[in-house]
């Protein structure tokens, strides 16, 4: 049986919508069910902080000191797993590994951006935050006291819930 052009077109559109809604649904699921964590946000160069409608973010856990790697050799592009440890209201690095931690551990899955003598720079996929119109300048002016609330799913994927000033 030969499919008509219209049927093929509708099937293609439905497949694209399914992929789009799956991506959105996955992020929404993480926001709804993920473990909530507060991260200290490190100031970013003010000339680059606010670009358009998003804020560039960096975290204390984005710079992993070499001794955390316990002799493991990481290269740019490698995947690493950072187990988190509560430090008062905020969360910090508890352990670093090249394999996922045991079930039940709260961790972030990251990608090595750069390896330096003193440590490793890591991206977690939460380094950009799109802000409501007009709020970017407010965050830019309070960049030294920012806190980011994230939600983390059981696979170590994170989604930003909120960025706020603690001042």
C-alpha atoms as a PDB file:
ATOM      1  CA  UNK A   1       0.000   0.000   0.000  1.00  0.00           C
ATOM      2  CA  UNK A   2       1.412   3.345  -1.045  1.00  0.00           C
ATOM      3  CA  UNK A   3       1.100   6.334   1.324  1.00  0.00           C
ATOM      4  CA  UNK A   4      -0.015   9.636  -0.065  1.00  0.00           C
ATOM      5  CA  UNK A   5       2.085  12.774   0.271  1.00  0.00           C
ATOM      6  CA  UNK A   6      -0.361  14.189   2.827  1.00  0.00           C
ATOM      7  CA  UNK A   7      -0.097  11.119   5.075  1.00  0.00           C
ATOM      8  CA  UNK A   8       3.725  11.184   4.899  1.00  0.00           C
ATOM      9  CA  UNK A   9       3.772  14.909   5.648  1.00  0.00           C
ATOM     10  CA  UNK A  10       1.421  14.532   8.642  1.00  0.00           C
ATOM     11  CA  UNK A  11       3.478  11.619   9.949  1.00  0.00           C
ATOM     12  CA  UNK A  12       6.674  13.682   9.697  1.00  0.00           C
ATOM     13  CA  UNK A  13       5.089  16.648  11.506  1.00  0.00           C
ATOM     14  CA  UNK A  14       3.788  14.349  14.266  1.00  0.00           C
ATOM     15  CA  UNK A  15       7.241  12.812  14.740  1.00  0.00           C
ATOM     16  CA  UNK A  16       8.840  16.250  15.056  1.00  0.00           C
ATOM     17  CA  UNK A  17       6.227  17.343  17.583  1.00  0.00           C
ATOM     18  CA  UNK A  18       6.750  14.139  19.549  1.00  0.00           C
ATOM     19  CA  UNK A  19      10.494  14.807  19.789  1.00  0.00           C
ATOM     20  CA  UNK A  20       9.900  18.429  20.818  1.00  0.00           C
ATOM     21  CA  UNK A  21       7.345  17.553  23.494  1.00  0.00           C
ATOM     22  CA  UNK A  22       9.569  14.725  24.772  1.00  0.00           C
ATOM     23  CA  UNK A  23      12.444  17.168  25.339  1.00  0.00           C
ATOM     24  CA  UNK A  24      10.183  19.650  27.101  1.00  0.00           C
ATOM     25  CA  UNK A  25       8.484  16.903  29.109  1.00  0.00           C
ATOM     26  CA  UNK A  26      11.814  15.502  30.303  1.00  0.00           C
ATOM     27  CA  UNK A  27      12.925  18.895  31.640  1.00  0.00           C
ATOM     28  CA  UNK A  28       9.529  19.486  33.257  1.00  0.00           C
ATOM     29  CA  UNK A  29       9.684  16.038  34.884  1.00  0.00           C
ATOM     30  CA  UNK A  30      13.092  16.901  36.347  1.00  0.00           C
ATOM     31  CA  UNK A  31      11.743  20.209  37.671  1.00  0.00           C
ATOM     32  CA  UNK A  32       8.731  18.502  39.248  1.00  0.00           C
ATOM     33  CA  UNK A  33      10.404  15.424  40.733  1.00  0.00           C
ATOM     34  CA  UNK A  34      14.102  16.282  41.027  1.00  0.00           C
ATOM     35  CA  UNK A  35      15.956  16.864  44.265  1.00  0.00           C
ATOM     36  CA  UNK A  36      16.196  20.600  45.008  1.00  0.00           C
ATOM     37  CA  UNK A  37      19.692  21.920  45.637  1.00  0.00           C
ATOM     38  CA  UNK A  38      21.104  25.417  46.277  1.00  0.00           C
ATOM     39  CA  UNK A  39      24.435  26.285  44.662  1.00  0.00           C
ATOM     40  CA  UNK A  40      26.682  29.253  45.357  1.00  0.00           C
ATOM     41  CA  UNK A  41      27.036  31.154  42.133  1.00  0.00           C
ATOM     42  CA  UNK A  42      30.456  32.580  41.354  1.00  0.00           C
ATOM     43  CA  UNK A  43      30.622  36.109  39.921  1.00  0.00           C
ATOM     44  CA  UNK A  44      31.173  36.275  36.180  1.00  0.00           C
ATOM     45  CA  UNK A  45      32.931  39.127  34.368  1.00  0.00           C
ATOM     46  CA  UNK A  46      30.250  41.868  34.315  1.00  0.00           C
ATOM     47  CA  UNK A  47      30.914  42.649  30.660  1.00  0.00           C
ATOM     48  CA  UNK A  48      29.816  39.127  29.738  1.00  0.00           C
ATOM     49  CA  UNK A  49      27.252  38.389  32.447  1.00  0.00           C
ATOM     50  CA  UNK A  50      24.167  39.735  30.723  1.00  0.00           C
ATOM     51  CA  UNK A  51      23.902  38.955  27.048  1.00  0.00           C
ATOM     52  CA  UNK A  52      20.517  39.426  25.489  1.00  0.00           C
ATOM     53  CA  UNK A  53      17.852  37.667  27.494  1.00  0.00           C
ATOM     54  CA  UNK A  54      20.006  35.300  29.501  1.00  0.00           C
ATOM     55  CA  UNK A  55      22.556  35.379  32.281  1.00  0.00           C
ATOM     56  CA  UNK A  56      25.840  33.443  32.089  1.00  0.00           C
ATOM     57  CA  UNK A  57      26.367  31.529  35.346  1.00  0.00           C
ATOM     58  CA  UNK A  58      29.275  29.776  37.006  1.00  0.00           C
ATOM     59  CA  UNK A  59      29.282  27.852  40.265  1.00  0.00           C
ATOM     60  CA  UNK A  60      31.776  27.014  42.992  1.00  0.00           C
ATOM     61  CA  UNK A  61      31.420  23.369  41.919  1.00  0.00           C
ATOM     62  CA  UNK A  62      32.376  24.299  38.335  1.00  0.00           C
ATOM     63  CA  UNK A  63      36.064  24.346  39.314  1.00  0.00           C
ATOM     64  CA  UNK A  64      37.143  20.963  40.635  1.00  0.00           C
ATOM     65  CA  UNK A  65      40.564  20.962  42.280  1.00  0.00           C
ATOM     66  CA  UNK A  66      42.975  18.290  41.034  1.00  0.00           C
ATOM     67  CA  UNK A  67      43.121  16.357  44.300  1.00  0.00           C
ATOM     68  CA  UNK A  68      39.402  15.490  43.962  1.00  0.00           C
ATOM     69  CA  UNK A  69      40.248  13.341  40.921  1.00  0.00           C
ATOM     70  CA  UNK A  70      42.305  10.913  43.086  1.00  0.00           C
ATOM     71  CA  UNK A  71      44.892  10.381  40.366  1.00  0.00           C
ATOM     72  CA  UNK A  72      42.367   9.812  37.580  1.00  0.00           C
ATOM     73  CA  UNK A  73      43.265  11.509  34.324  1.00  0.00           C
ATOM     74  CA  UNK A  74      40.482  13.543  32.745  1.00  0.00           C
ATOM     75  CA  UNK A  75      40.599  15.159  29.302  1.00  0.00           C
ATOM     76  CA  UNK A  76      38.441  17.914  27.792  1.00  0.00           C
ATOM     77  CA  UNK A  77      35.158  16.364  26.673  1.00  0.00           C
ATOM     78  CA  UNK A  78      35.210  13.521  29.237  1.00  0.00           C
ATOM     79  CA  UNK A  79      32.139  12.827  31.357  1.00  0.00           C
ATOM     80  CA  UNK A  80      32.562  13.013  35.107  1.00  0.00           C
ATOM     81  CA  UNK A  81      30.250  12.571  38.060  1.00  0.00           C
ATOM     82  CA  UNK A  82      30.316  14.949  41.017  1.00  0.00           C
ATOM     83  CA  UNK A  83      28.643  13.615  44.149  1.00  0.00           C
ATOM     84  CA  UNK A  84      27.214  16.504  46.159  1.00  0.00           C
ATOM     85  CA  UNK A  85      27.541  17.092  49.892  1.00  0.00           C
ATOM     86  CA  UNK A  86      25.420  19.478  51.936  1.00  0.00           C
ATOM     87  CA  UNK A  87      27.377  22.397  53.413  1.00  0.00           C
ATOM     88  CA  UNK A  88      24.837  24.391  55.414  1.00  0.00           C
ATOM     89  CA  UNK A  89      22.210  25.796  53.042  1.00  0.00           C
ATOM     90  CA  UNK A  90      24.351  25.106  50.011  1.00  0.00           C
ATOM     91  CA  UNK A  91      25.765  21.999  48.384  1.00  0.00           C
ATOM     92  CA  UNK A  92      29.380  21.409  47.450  1.00  0.00           C
ATOM     93  CA  UNK A  93      31.610  18.687  46.065  1.00  0.00           C
ATOM     94  CA  UNK A  94      31.629  15.440  48.026  1.00  0.00           C
ATOM     95  CA  UNK A  95      33.439  13.208  45.528  1.00  0.00           C
ATOM     96  CA  UNK A  96      34.490  13.118  41.871  1.00  0.00           C
ATOM     97  CA  UNK A  97      34.524   9.978  39.717  1.00  0.00           C
ATOM     98  CA  UNK A  98      34.525   8.786  36.135  1.00  0.00           C
ATOM     99  CA  UNK A  99      31.605   6.411  36.834  1.00  0.00           C
ATOM    100  CA  UNK A 100      28.134   7.122  38.273  1.00  0.00           C
ATOM    101  CA  UNK A 101      27.964   6.794  42.069  1.00  0.00           C
ATOM    102  CA  UNK A 102      25.870   4.092  43.784  1.00  0.00           C
ATOM    103  CA  UNK A 103      22.073   4.389  43.631  1.00  0.00           C
ATOM    104  CA  UNK A 104      20.653   6.912  46.056  1.00  0.00           C
ATOM    105  CA  UNK A 105      23.605   9.313  45.907  1.00  0.00           C
ATOM    106  CA  UNK A 106      22.859  12.886  44.880  1.00  0.00           C
ATOM    107  CA  UNK A 107      25.177  13.761  42.004  1.00  0.00           C
ATOM    108  CA  UNK A 108      25.617  15.900  38.902  1.00  0.00           C
ATOM    109  CA  UNK A 109      26.782  14.558  35.566  1.00  0.00           C
ATOM    110  CA  UNK A 110      29.189  16.990  33.952  1.00  0.00           C
ATOM    111  CA  UNK A 111      31.496  17.407  30.988  1.00  0.00           C
ATOM    112  CA  UNK A 112      35.123  18.423  31.374  1.00  0.00           C
ATOM    113  CA  UNK A 113      35.498  21.792  29.649  1.00  0.00           C
ATOM    114  CA  UNK A 114      39.185  22.352  30.386  1.00  0.00           C
ATOM    115  CA  UNK A 115      41.977  20.682  32.330  1.00  0.00           C
ATOM    116  CA  UNK A 116      44.436  22.940  34.159  1.00  0.00           C
ATOM    117  CA  UNK A 117      47.404  22.149  36.416  1.00  0.00           C
ATOM    118  CA  UNK A 118      45.373  23.176  39.449  1.00  0.00           C
ATOM    119  CA  UNK A 119      42.121  21.484  38.493  1.00  0.00           C
ATOM    120  CA  UNK A 120      39.304  20.788  36.095  1.00  0.00           C
ATOM    121  CA  UNK A 121      36.642  23.162  34.758  1.00  0.00           C
ATOM    122  CA  UNK A 122      33.289  21.388  34.431  1.00  0.00           C
ATOM    123  CA  UNK A 123      30.061  22.223  32.594  1.00  0.00           C
ATOM    124  CA  UNK A 124      26.824  20.772  33.965  1.00  0.00           C
ATOM    125  CA  UNK A 125      24.426  22.157  31.357  1.00  0.00           C
ATOM    126  CA  UNK A 126      23.146  24.830  33.743  1.00  0.00           C
ATOM    127  CA  UNK A 127      25.522  27.641  32.838  1.00  0.00           C
ATOM    128  CA  UNK A 128      22.927  29.807  31.047  1.00  0.00           C
ATOM    129  CA  UNK A 129      19.681  31.060  32.521  1.00  0.00           C
ATOM    130  CA  UNK A 130      17.058  32.784  30.419  1.00  0.00           C
ATOM    131  CA  UNK A 131      15.527  35.598  32.426  1.00  0.00           C
ATOM    132  CA  UNK A 132      12.173  37.340  32.262  1.00  0.00           C
ATOM    133  CA  UNK A 133      12.358  40.602  30.342  1.00  0.00           C
ATOM    134  CA  UNK A 134      13.756  43.405  32.491  1.00  0.00           C
ATOM    135  CA  UNK A 135      15.175  41.140  35.216  1.00  0.00           C
ATOM    136  CA  UNK A 136      18.618  40.741  33.660  1.00  0.00           C
ATOM    137  CA  UNK A 137      19.883  44.161  34.772  1.00  0.00           C
ATOM    138  CA  UNK A 138      18.777  43.425  38.348  1.00  0.00           C
ATOM    139  CA  UNK A 139      20.740  40.150  38.400  1.00  0.00           C
ATOM    140  CA  UNK A 140      23.701  41.826  36.727  1.00  0.00           C
ATOM    141  CA  UNK A 141      23.909  44.490  39.444  1.00  0.00           C
ATOM    142  CA  UNK A 142      23.783  41.859  42.232  1.00  0.00           C
ATOM    143  CA  UNK A 143      26.074  39.313  40.619  1.00  0.00           C
ATOM    144  CA  UNK A 144      28.331  38.861  43.684  1.00  0.00           C
ATOM    145  CA  UNK A 145      25.516  37.494  45.863  1.00  0.00           C
ATOM    146  CA  UNK A 146      23.658  35.158  43.527  1.00  0.00           C
ATOM    147  CA  UNK A 147      22.235  31.796  44.539  1.00  0.00           C
ATOM    148  CA  UNK A 148      20.940  29.265  42.033  1.00  0.00           C
ATOM    149  CA  UNK A 149      18.315  26.675  42.907  1.00  0.00           C
ATOM    150  CA  UNK A 150      18.447  23.598  40.697  1.00  0.00           C
ATOM    151  CA  UNK A 151      16.535  20.334  40.435  1.00  0.00           C
ATOM    152  CA  UNK A 152      18.532  17.145  39.848  1.00  0.00           C
ATOM    153  CA  UNK A 153      17.074  13.891  38.542  1.00  0.00           C
ATOM    154  CA  UNK A 154      18.353  10.418  39.445  1.00  0.00           C
ATOM    155  CA  UNK A 155      20.583  10.385  36.357  1.00  0.00           C
ATOM    156  CA  UNK A 156      22.531  13.491  37.438  1.00  0.00           C
ATOM    157  CA  UNK A 157      20.879  15.870  34.962  1.00  0.00           C
ATOM    158  CA  UNK A 158      20.078  19.316  36.347  1.00  0.00           C
ATOM    159  CA  UNK A 159      17.597  22.053  35.477  1.00  0.00           C
ATOM    160  CA  UNK A 160      17.673  25.587  36.900  1.00  0.00           C
ATOM    161  CA  UNK A 161      14.590  26.365  38.985  1.00  0.00           C
ATOM    162  CA  UNK A 162      15.506  29.894  40.035  1.00  0.00           C
ATOM    163  CA  UNK A 163      18.332  32.417  40.259  1.00  0.00           C
ATOM    164  CA  UNK A 164      18.099  34.980  43.029  1.00  0.00           C
ATOM    165  CA  UNK A 165      20.149  37.485  44.935  1.00  0.00           C
ATOM    166  CA  UNK A 166      20.955  36.834  48.578  1.00  0.00           C
ATOM    167  CA  UNK A 167      21.643  40.516  49.184  1.00  0.00           C
END
